[in-house]
Amino acid sequence: MQEQATSSVAASSLPSSSERSSSSALQLEAKEGMESDDEIRRVPEIGAEATGVASAREASSAAGPNRVQASSDGPRKRGRSPADKENKRLKRLLRNRVSAQQARERKKAYLTELEARVKDLEKKNGELEERLSTLQNENQMLRHILKNTTAGIQEGRK
């Protein structure tokens, strides 16, 4: 009688034939490298076949490495979740702020460069105006000397 009880307990703790085949299929996939390391593999529980949840997961993982598994919440939703949208909006705002700051810095550097150039050109312009004034005075003096010299030569001939 005690042997029957232990054999029935041992039989109930042993996986059924379908569970053994699914676990051997998982081992075979792991050996072949078809499943990526990132995927979470779940061990089927006893009695999970009645719900069909474990067998659906195993079927989707057996379909191929490129197949995307459905989440445990249900089928995959189209579009983005509000958290993803908010995260994307915040990233966009941050990129925009950084870009605006860089534009302000470029503008400031450009204006500083223009102001330095203005100072250099004003200085050069002042030097050129001074030289022009000096040359004009020299030219006027030379014309006056030339006029006096030619006038003196003409009076001497008379």
N, C-alpha and C. Protein backbone atom coordinates (compact mmCIF):
# COMPACT_ATOMS: atom_id res chain seq x y z
N MET A 1 0.82 -1.18 0.00
CA MET A 1 0.00 0.00 0.00
C MET A 1 0.87 1.25 0.00
N GLN A 2 1.92 1.24 0.81
CA GLN A 2 2.81 2.38 0.87
C GLN A 2 3.56 2.54 -0.45
N GLU A 3 3.84 1.43 -1.13
CA GLU A 3 4.50 1.49 -2.44
C GLU A 3 3.59 2.15 -3.47
N GLN A 4 2.30 1.85 -3.40
CA GLN A 4 1.37 2.47 -4.33
C GLN A 4 1.31 3.98 -4.12
N ALA A 5 1.36 4.42 -2.88
CA ALA A 5 1.29 5.84 -2.58
C ALA A 5 2.53 6.54 -3.09
N THR A 6 3.71 5.94 -2.90
CA THR A 6 4.94 6.57 -3.38
C THR A 6 4.99 6.55 -4.89
N SER A 7 4.50 5.49 -5.52
CA SER A 7 4.52 5.44 -6.99
C SER A 7 3.55 6.44 -7.58
N SER A 8 2.40 6.66 -6.94
CA SER A 8 1.45 7.64 -7.45
C SER A 8 1.99 9.06 -7.25
N VAL A 9 2.70 9.30 -6.13
CA VAL A 9 3.30 10.61 -5.90
C VAL A 9 4.42 10.84 -6.91
N ALA A 10 5.22 9.82 -7.17
CA ALA A 10 6.30 9.95 -8.14
C ALA A 10 5.74 10.17 -9.53
N ALA A 11 4.66 9.49 -9.86
CA ALA A 11 4.06 9.65 -11.18
C ALA A 11 3.47 11.04 -11.34
N SER A 12 2.90 11.59 -10.29
CA SER A 12 2.30 12.92 -10.42
C SER A 12 3.38 14.01 -10.49
N SER A 13 4.57 13.78 -9.93
CA SER A 13 5.62 14.77 -10.00
C SER A 13 6.40 14.69 -11.30
N LEU A 14 6.29 13.60 -12.02
CA LEU A 14 6.99 13.46 -13.29
C LEU A 14 6.23 14.24 -14.37
N PRO A 15 6.95 14.86 -15.30
CA PRO A 15 6.27 15.59 -16.37
C PRO A 15 5.60 14.63 -17.33
N SER A 16 4.53 15.10 -17.94
CA SER A 16 3.82 14.27 -18.91
C SER A 16 4.66 14.18 -20.19
N SER A 17 4.23 13.37 -21.12
CA SER A 17 5.00 13.18 -22.35
C SER A 17 5.06 14.47 -23.18
N SER A 18 3.98 15.24 -23.19
CA SER A 18 4.00 16.50 -23.95
C SER A 18 4.92 17.51 -23.29
N GLU A 19 4.97 17.51 -21.95
CA GLU A 19 5.88 18.42 -21.27
C GLU A 19 7.33 18.01 -21.50
N ARG A 20 7.58 16.70 -21.53
CA ARG A 20 8.94 16.24 -21.79
C ARG A 20 9.37 16.63 -23.20
N SER A 21 8.47 16.53 -24.17
CA SER A 21 8.84 16.88 -25.55
C SER A 21 9.07 18.38 -25.69
N SER A 22 8.26 19.19 -24.98
CA SER A 22 8.46 20.64 -25.08
C SER A 22 9.75 21.06 -24.39
N SER A 23 10.10 20.44 -23.27
CA SER A 23 11.35 20.81 -22.61
C SER A 23 12.54 20.32 -23.43
N SER A 24 12.41 19.18 -24.10
CA SER A 24 13.51 18.72 -24.95
C SER A 24 13.63 19.63 -26.18
N ALA A 25 12.50 20.16 -26.65
CA ALA A 25 12.55 21.09 -27.78
C ALA A 25 13.27 22.38 -27.37
N LEU A 26 13.03 22.84 -26.13
CA LEU A 26 13.72 24.03 -25.65
C LEU A 26 15.21 23.77 -25.54
N GLN A 27 15.57 22.58 -25.05
CA GLN A 27 16.99 22.25 -24.95
C GLN A 27 17.62 22.18 -26.33
N LEU A 28 16.90 21.62 -27.30
CA LEU A 28 17.41 21.50 -28.66
C LEU A 28 17.62 22.89 -29.27
N GLU A 29 16.66 23.83 -29.04
CA GLU A 29 16.81 25.19 -29.55
C GLU A 29 18.00 25.89 -28.92
N ALA A 30 18.20 25.69 -27.64
CA ALA A 30 19.33 26.32 -26.97
C ALA A 30 20.64 25.79 -27.53
N LYS A 31 20.69 24.51 -27.85
CA LYS A 31 21.90 23.94 -28.41
C LYS A 31 22.17 24.49 -29.80
N GLU A 32 21.13 24.67 -30.58
CA GLU A 32 21.31 25.15 -31.94
C GLU A 32 21.54 26.66 -32.00
N GLY A 33 21.33 27.36 -30.89
CA GLY A 33 21.58 28.80 -30.86
C GLY A 33 20.50 29.60 -31.55
N MET A 34 19.31 29.03 -31.70
CA MET A 34 18.24 29.73 -32.39
C MET A 34 17.64 30.82 -31.50
N GLU A 35 17.71 30.65 -30.21
CA GLU A 35 17.09 31.61 -29.31
C GLU A 35 18.14 32.58 -28.84
N SER A 36 17.85 33.87 -28.83
CA SER A 36 18.82 34.86 -28.40
C SER A 36 18.95 34.85 -26.89
N ASP A 37 20.07 35.39 -26.40
CA ASP A 37 20.31 35.42 -24.97
C ASP A 37 19.40 36.41 -24.27
N ASP A 38 18.87 37.39 -25.00
CA ASP A 38 18.05 38.44 -24.41
C ASP A 38 16.65 37.96 -24.05
N GLU A 39 16.17 36.93 -24.74
CA GLU A 39 14.82 36.45 -24.49
C GLU A 39 14.75 35.75 -23.15
N ILE A 40 13.64 35.89 -22.51
CA ILE A 40 13.43 35.22 -21.24
C ILE A 40 12.71 33.91 -21.52
N ARG A 41 13.34 32.84 -21.10
CA ARG A 41 12.70 31.53 -21.28
C ARG A 41 12.01 31.16 -19.99
N ARG A 42 10.81 30.68 -20.10
CA ARG A 42 10.05 30.27 -18.92
C ARG A 42 9.90 28.76 -18.94
N VAL A 43 10.02 28.19 -17.76
CA VAL A 43 9.85 26.75 -17.61
C VAL A 43 8.36 26.48 -17.46
N PRO A 44 7.82 25.56 -18.25
CA PRO A 44 6.38 25.30 -18.14
C PRO A 44 6.04 24.68 -16.78
N GLU A 45 4.93 25.13 -16.23
CA GLU A 45 4.49 24.60 -14.95
C GLU A 45 3.59 23.41 -15.19
N ILE A 46 3.49 22.59 -14.18
CA ILE A 46 2.61 21.43 -14.27
C ILE A 46 1.19 21.93 -14.28
N GLY A 47 0.41 21.46 -15.23
CA GLY A 47 -0.98 21.88 -15.34
C GLY A 47 -1.14 23.14 -16.18
N ALA A 48 -0.09 23.68 -16.74
CA ALA A 48 -0.18 24.89 -17.55
C ALA A 48 -0.77 24.60 -18.92
N GLU A 49 -0.75 23.33 -19.30
CA GLU A 49 -1.31 22.98 -20.61
C GLU A 49 -2.81 23.20 -20.65
N ALA A 50 -3.44 23.12 -19.51
CA ALA A 50 -4.88 23.32 -19.48
C ALA A 50 -5.22 24.77 -19.86
N THR A 51 -4.37 25.71 -19.48
CA THR A 51 -4.64 27.11 -19.83
C THR A 51 -4.18 27.42 -21.24
N GLY A 52 -3.17 26.72 -21.72
CA GLY A 52 -2.67 26.95 -23.06
C GLY A 52 -1.67 28.08 -23.15
N VAL A 53 -1.34 28.72 -22.05
CA VAL A 53 -0.41 29.85 -22.06
C VAL A 53 1.00 29.38 -22.36
N ALA A 54 1.46 28.35 -21.68
CA ALA A 54 2.83 27.87 -21.87
C ALA A 54 3.00 27.29 -23.27
N SER A 55 2.00 26.57 -23.76
CA SER A 55 2.14 25.97 -25.08
C SER A 55 2.15 27.05 -26.17
N ALA A 56 1.43 28.14 -25.98
CA ALA A 56 1.44 29.24 -26.96
C ALA A 56 2.80 29.91 -26.98
N ARG A 57 3.40 30.09 -25.82
CA ARG A 57 4.74 30.69 -25.77
C ARG A 57 5.76 29.78 -26.43
N GLU A 58 5.66 28.49 -26.14
CA GLU A 58 6.62 27.55 -26.73
C GLU A 58 6.45 27.50 -28.24
N ALA A 59 5.21 27.58 -28.71
CA ALA A 59 4.97 27.55 -30.15
C ALA A 59 5.55 28.79 -30.81
N SER A 60 5.41 29.94 -30.17
CA SER A 60 5.95 31.17 -30.77
C SER A 60 7.46 31.17 -30.73
N SER A 61 8.07 30.61 -29.68
CA SER A 61 9.54 30.57 -29.63
C SER A 61 10.07 29.52 -30.59
N ALA A 62 9.30 28.48 -30.86
CA ALA A 62 9.74 27.44 -31.80
C ALA A 62 9.58 27.91 -33.25
N ALA A 63 8.82 28.99 -33.47
CA ALA A 63 8.59 29.45 -34.83
C ALA A 63 9.84 30.05 -35.46
N GLY A 64 10.76 30.56 -34.67
CA GLY A 64 11.99 31.10 -35.25
C GLY A 64 12.58 32.17 -34.37
N PRO A 65 13.84 32.49 -34.60
CA PRO A 65 14.51 33.47 -33.75
C PRO A 65 14.08 34.90 -34.03
N ASN A 66 13.57 35.18 -35.21
CA ASN A 66 13.22 36.55 -35.58
C ASN A 66 11.79 36.91 -35.20
N ARG A 67 11.04 35.96 -34.74
CA ARG A 67 9.65 36.22 -34.40
C ARG A 67 9.58 36.96 -33.07
N VAL A 68 8.79 38.01 -33.03
CA VAL A 68 8.63 38.79 -31.81
C VAL A 68 7.52 38.14 -30.99
N GLN A 69 7.82 37.89 -29.72
CA GLN A 69 6.82 37.27 -28.87
C GLN A 69 5.86 38.32 -28.37
N ALA A 70 4.60 37.91 -28.20
CA ALA A 70 3.60 38.80 -27.65
C ALA A 70 3.86 38.95 -26.17
N SER A 71 3.56 40.12 -25.63
CA SER A 71 3.77 40.33 -24.21
C SER A 71 2.74 39.54 -23.42
N SER A 72 3.00 39.40 -22.14
CA SER A 72 2.09 38.62 -21.31
C SER A 72 0.77 39.36 -21.11
N ASP A 73 0.73 40.67 -21.39
CA ASP A 73 -0.50 41.44 -21.22
C ASP A 73 -1.49 41.21 -22.35
N GLY A 74 -1.03 40.77 -23.47
CA GLY A 74 -1.93 40.56 -24.60
C GLY A 74 -1.21 40.82 -25.89
N PRO A 75 -1.95 40.99 -26.98
CA PRO A 75 -1.30 41.23 -28.27
C PRO A 75 -0.60 42.57 -28.28
N ARG A 76 0.30 42.69 -29.19
CA ARG A 76 1.12 43.90 -29.29
C ARG A 76 0.27 45.07 -29.77
N LYS A 77 0.42 46.21 -29.09
CA LYS A 77 -0.36 47.39 -29.46
C LYS A 77 0.34 48.14 -30.58
N ARG A 78 -0.46 48.78 -31.41
CA ARG A 78 0.10 49.63 -32.45
C ARG A 78 0.29 51.02 -31.86
N GLY A 79 1.31 51.69 -32.32
CA GLY A 79 1.58 53.02 -31.81
C GLY A 79 2.45 52.96 -30.57
N ARG A 80 2.60 54.11 -29.92
CA ARG A 80 3.46 54.20 -28.75
C ARG A 80 2.63 54.42 -27.52
N SER A 81 3.17 53.98 -26.42
CA SER A 81 2.49 54.20 -25.15
C SER A 81 2.68 55.67 -24.74
N PRO A 82 1.85 56.17 -23.86
CA PRO A 82 2.01 57.56 -23.42
C PRO A 82 3.37 57.82 -22.79
N ALA A 83 3.92 56.84 -22.09
CA ALA A 83 5.25 57.02 -21.48
C ALA A 83 6.31 57.16 -22.56
N ASP A 84 6.19 56.36 -23.63
CA ASP A 84 7.15 56.47 -24.74
C ASP A 84 7.03 57.82 -25.43
N LYS A 85 5.78 58.27 -25.62
CA LYS A 85 5.56 59.57 -26.26
C LYS A 85 6.16 60.69 -25.41
N GLU A 86 5.94 60.63 -24.10
CA GLU A 86 6.47 61.64 -23.21
C GLU A 86 7.99 61.61 -23.20
N ASN A 87 8.56 60.41 -23.18
CA ASN A 87 10.02 60.27 -23.20
C ASN A 87 10.59 60.84 -24.49
N LYS A 88 9.94 60.56 -25.60
CA LYS A 88 10.39 61.07 -26.89
C LYS A 88 10.28 62.60 -26.94
N ARG A 89 9.19 63.14 -26.37
CA ARG A 89 9.00 64.59 -26.33
C ARG A 89 10.07 65.26 -25.48
N LEU A 90 10.38 64.65 -24.34
CA LEU A 90 11.42 65.22 -23.47
C LEU A 90 12.79 65.18 -24.14
N LYS A 91 13.08 64.09 -24.85
CA LYS A 91 14.35 64.01 -25.59
C LYS A 91 14.41 65.09 -26.66
N ARG A 92 13.30 65.28 -27.37
CA ARG A 92 13.25 66.30 -28.42
C ARG A 92 13.45 67.70 -27.83
N LEU A 93 12.80 67.96 -26.69
CA LEU A 93 12.96 69.26 -26.04
C LEU A 93 14.40 69.47 -25.60
N LEU A 94 15.02 68.42 -25.07
CA LEU A 94 16.41 68.54 -24.63
C LEU A 94 17.33 68.81 -25.82
N ARG A 95 17.12 68.06 -26.92
CA ARG A 95 17.92 68.30 -28.13
C ARG A 95 17.72 69.72 -28.64
N ASN A 96 16.48 70.20 -28.58
CA ASN A 96 16.17 71.55 -29.03
C ASN A 96 16.88 72.59 -28.16
N ARG A 97 16.87 72.38 -26.83
CA ARG A 97 17.55 73.32 -25.94
C ARG A 97 19.04 73.35 -26.20
N VAL A 98 19.63 72.17 -26.38
CA VAL A 98 21.08 72.09 -26.64
C VAL A 98 21.39 72.78 -27.96
N SER A 99 20.58 72.53 -28.97
CA SER A 99 20.78 73.15 -30.27
C SER A 99 20.64 74.67 -30.18
N ALA A 100 19.66 75.14 -29.45
CA ALA A 100 19.46 76.59 -29.30
C ALA A 100 20.65 77.22 -28.57
N GLN A 101 21.14 76.53 -27.54
CA GLN A 101 22.30 77.05 -26.80
C GLN A 101 23.52 77.12 -27.71
N GLN A 102 23.73 76.09 -28.52
CA GLN A 102 24.86 76.10 -29.46
C GLN A 102 24.72 77.23 -30.47
N ALA A 103 23.49 77.47 -30.93
CA ALA A 103 23.26 78.56 -31.89
C ALA A 103 23.57 79.91 -31.24
N ARG A 104 23.15 80.07 -29.97
CA ARG A 104 23.47 81.33 -29.27
C ARG A 104 24.97 81.51 -29.11
N GLU A 105 25.68 80.43 -28.80
CA GLU A 105 27.14 80.52 -28.65
C GLU A 105 27.82 80.86 -29.97
N ARG A 106 27.34 80.24 -31.06
CA ARG A 106 27.90 80.56 -32.39
C ARG A 106 27.65 82.03 -32.73
N LYS A 107 26.44 82.52 -32.44
CA LYS A 107 26.10 83.91 -32.72
C LYS A 107 26.98 84.85 -31.91
N LYS A 108 27.18 84.52 -30.64
CA LYS A 108 28.02 85.36 -29.79
C LYS A 108 29.45 85.40 -30.31
N ALA A 109 30.00 84.24 -30.71
CA ALA A 109 31.36 84.19 -31.25
C ALA A 109 31.45 85.00 -32.54
N TYR A 110 30.42 84.89 -33.39
CA TYR A 110 30.39 85.63 -34.65
C TYR A 110 30.36 87.14 -34.39
N LEU A 111 29.52 87.56 -33.44
CA LEU A 111 29.44 88.99 -33.12
C LEU A 111 30.75 89.50 -32.53
N THR A 112 31.38 88.70 -31.68
CA THR A 112 32.67 89.10 -31.11
C THR A 112 33.70 89.27 -32.20
N GLU A 113 33.70 88.33 -33.15
CA GLU A 113 34.63 88.42 -34.29
C GLU A 113 34.35 89.66 -35.13
N LEU A 114 33.06 89.95 -35.37
CA LEU A 114 32.70 91.15 -36.14
C LEU A 114 33.12 92.43 -35.41
N GLU A 115 32.92 92.47 -34.09
CA GLU A 115 33.32 93.66 -33.33
C GLU A 115 34.83 93.87 -33.39
N ALA A 116 35.60 92.78 -33.31
CA ALA A 116 37.07 92.91 -33.41
C ALA A 116 37.45 93.41 -34.79
N ARG A 117 36.77 92.89 -35.81
CA ARG A 117 37.06 93.31 -37.18
C ARG A 117 36.71 94.80 -37.38
N VAL A 118 35.61 95.24 -36.78
CA VAL A 118 35.21 96.65 -36.87
C VAL A 118 36.29 97.52 -36.24
N LYS A 119 36.79 97.12 -35.06
CA LYS A 119 37.84 97.91 -34.40
C LYS A 119 39.10 97.99 -35.27
N ASP A 120 39.49 96.85 -35.85
CA ASP A 120 40.68 96.85 -36.72
C ASP A 120 40.47 97.75 -37.93
N LEU A 121 39.30 97.66 -38.55
CA LEU A 121 39.03 98.48 -39.74
C LEU A 121 38.94 99.97 -39.39
N GLU A 122 38.37 100.29 -38.23
CA GLU A 122 38.31 101.70 -37.81
C GLU A 122 39.72 102.25 -37.56
N LYS A 123 40.56 101.42 -36.97
CA LYS A 123 41.94 101.85 -36.72
C LYS A 123 42.68 102.08 -38.03
N LYS A 124 42.51 101.13 -38.96
CA LYS A 124 43.16 101.25 -40.27
C LYS A 124 42.62 102.47 -41.02
N ASN A 125 41.32 102.69 -40.92
CA ASN A 125 40.70 103.85 -41.58
C ASN A 125 41.25 105.15 -41.02
N GLY A 126 41.41 105.21 -39.69
CA GLY A 126 41.99 106.41 -39.07
C GLY A 126 43.41 106.65 -39.56
N GLU A 127 44.21 105.58 -39.66
CA GLU A 127 45.59 105.72 -40.16
C GLU A 127 45.60 106.20 -41.60
N LEU A 128 44.71 105.65 -42.42
CA LEU A 128 44.64 106.05 -43.83
C LEU A 128 44.17 107.50 -43.98
N GLU A 129 43.20 107.92 -43.16
CA GLU A 129 42.75 109.31 -43.22
C GLU A 129 43.88 110.28 -42.82
N GLU A 130 44.65 109.88 -41.82
CA GLU A 130 45.79 110.71 -41.41
C GLU A 130 46.84 110.81 -42.52
N ARG A 131 47.11 109.69 -43.16
CA ARG A 131 48.08 109.68 -44.27
C ARG A 131 47.56 110.52 -45.44
N LEU A 132 46.27 110.41 -45.72
CA LEU A 132 45.66 111.20 -46.80
C LEU A 132 45.81 112.70 -46.50
N SER A 133 45.53 113.06 -45.29
CA SER A 133 45.66 114.48 -44.92
C SER A 133 47.10 114.97 -45.09
N THR A 134 48.06 114.13 -44.65
CA THR A 134 49.48 114.50 -44.79
C THR A 134 49.85 114.65 -46.25
N LEU A 135 49.42 113.70 -47.08
CA LEU A 135 49.76 113.74 -48.51
C LEU A 135 49.09 114.94 -49.20
N GLN A 136 47.88 115.27 -48.80
CA GLN A 136 47.20 116.43 -49.40
C GLN A 136 47.94 117.73 -49.04
N ASN A 137 48.37 117.83 -47.78
CA ASN A 137 49.15 119.02 -47.38
C ASN A 137 50.46 119.13 -48.17
N GLU A 138 51.13 117.98 -48.31
CA GLU A 138 52.40 117.95 -49.06
C GLU A 138 52.17 118.33 -50.51
N ASN A 139 51.10 117.82 -51.10
CA ASN A 139 50.78 118.12 -52.49
C ASN A 139 50.49 119.62 -52.66
N GLN A 140 49.75 120.18 -51.73
CA GLN A 140 49.42 121.61 -51.81
C GLN A 140 50.70 122.48 -51.68
N MET A 141 51.59 122.06 -50.77
CA MET A 141 52.84 122.80 -50.63
C MET A 141 53.68 122.72 -51.89
N LEU A 142 53.76 121.53 -52.47
CA LEU A 142 54.54 121.34 -53.69
C LEU A 142 53.95 122.15 -54.83
N ARG A 143 52.64 122.23 -54.93
CA ARG A 143 52.00 123.03 -55.98
C ARG A 143 52.33 124.53 -55.77
N HIS A 144 52.27 124.92 -54.54
CA HIS A 144 52.58 126.33 -54.24
C HIS A 144 54.04 126.66 -54.59
N ILE A 145 54.96 125.76 -54.24
CA ILE A 145 56.38 125.95 -54.57
C ILE A 145 56.55 125.99 -56.09
N LEU A 146 55.89 125.07 -56.77
CA LEU A 146 55.99 125.00 -58.22
C LEU A 146 55.46 126.31 -58.85
N LYS A 147 54.37 126.81 -58.35
CA LYS A 147 53.78 128.03 -58.86
C LYS A 147 54.74 129.22 -58.65
N ASN A 148 55.33 129.29 -57.46
CA ASN A 148 56.29 130.37 -57.18
C ASN A 148 57.55 130.25 -58.04
N THR A 149 58.00 129.06 -58.24
CA THR A 149 59.21 128.85 -59.03
C THR A 149 58.95 129.23 -60.48
N THR A 150 57.86 128.77 -61.06
CA THR A 150 57.56 129.10 -62.45
C THR A 150 57.30 130.60 -62.61
N ALA A 151 56.69 131.21 -61.63
CA ALA A 151 56.43 132.66 -61.70
C ALA A 151 57.75 133.43 -61.62
N GLY A 152 58.69 132.98 -60.81
CA GLY A 152 59.98 133.65 -60.69
C GLY A 152 60.82 133.51 -61.94
N ILE A 153 60.73 132.37 -62.60
CA ILE A 153 61.50 132.16 -63.83
C ILE A 153 60.93 133.05 -64.94
N GLN A 154 59.63 133.16 -65.02
CA GLN A 154 59.02 133.98 -66.07
C GLN A 154 59.33 135.47 -65.85
N GLU A 155 59.44 135.95 -64.65
CA GLU A 155 59.73 137.35 -64.37
C GLU A 155 61.20 137.65 -64.67
N GLY A 156 62.04 136.66 -64.47
CA GLY A 156 63.46 136.84 -64.76
C GLY A 156 63.74 136.94 -66.24
N ARG A 157 62.95 136.41 -67.09
CA ARG A 157 63.14 136.45 -68.51
C ARG A 157 62.67 137.78 -69.06
N LYS A 158 61.94 138.50 -68.42
CA LYS A 158 61.38 139.73 -68.96
C LYS A 158 62.29 140.82 -68.79
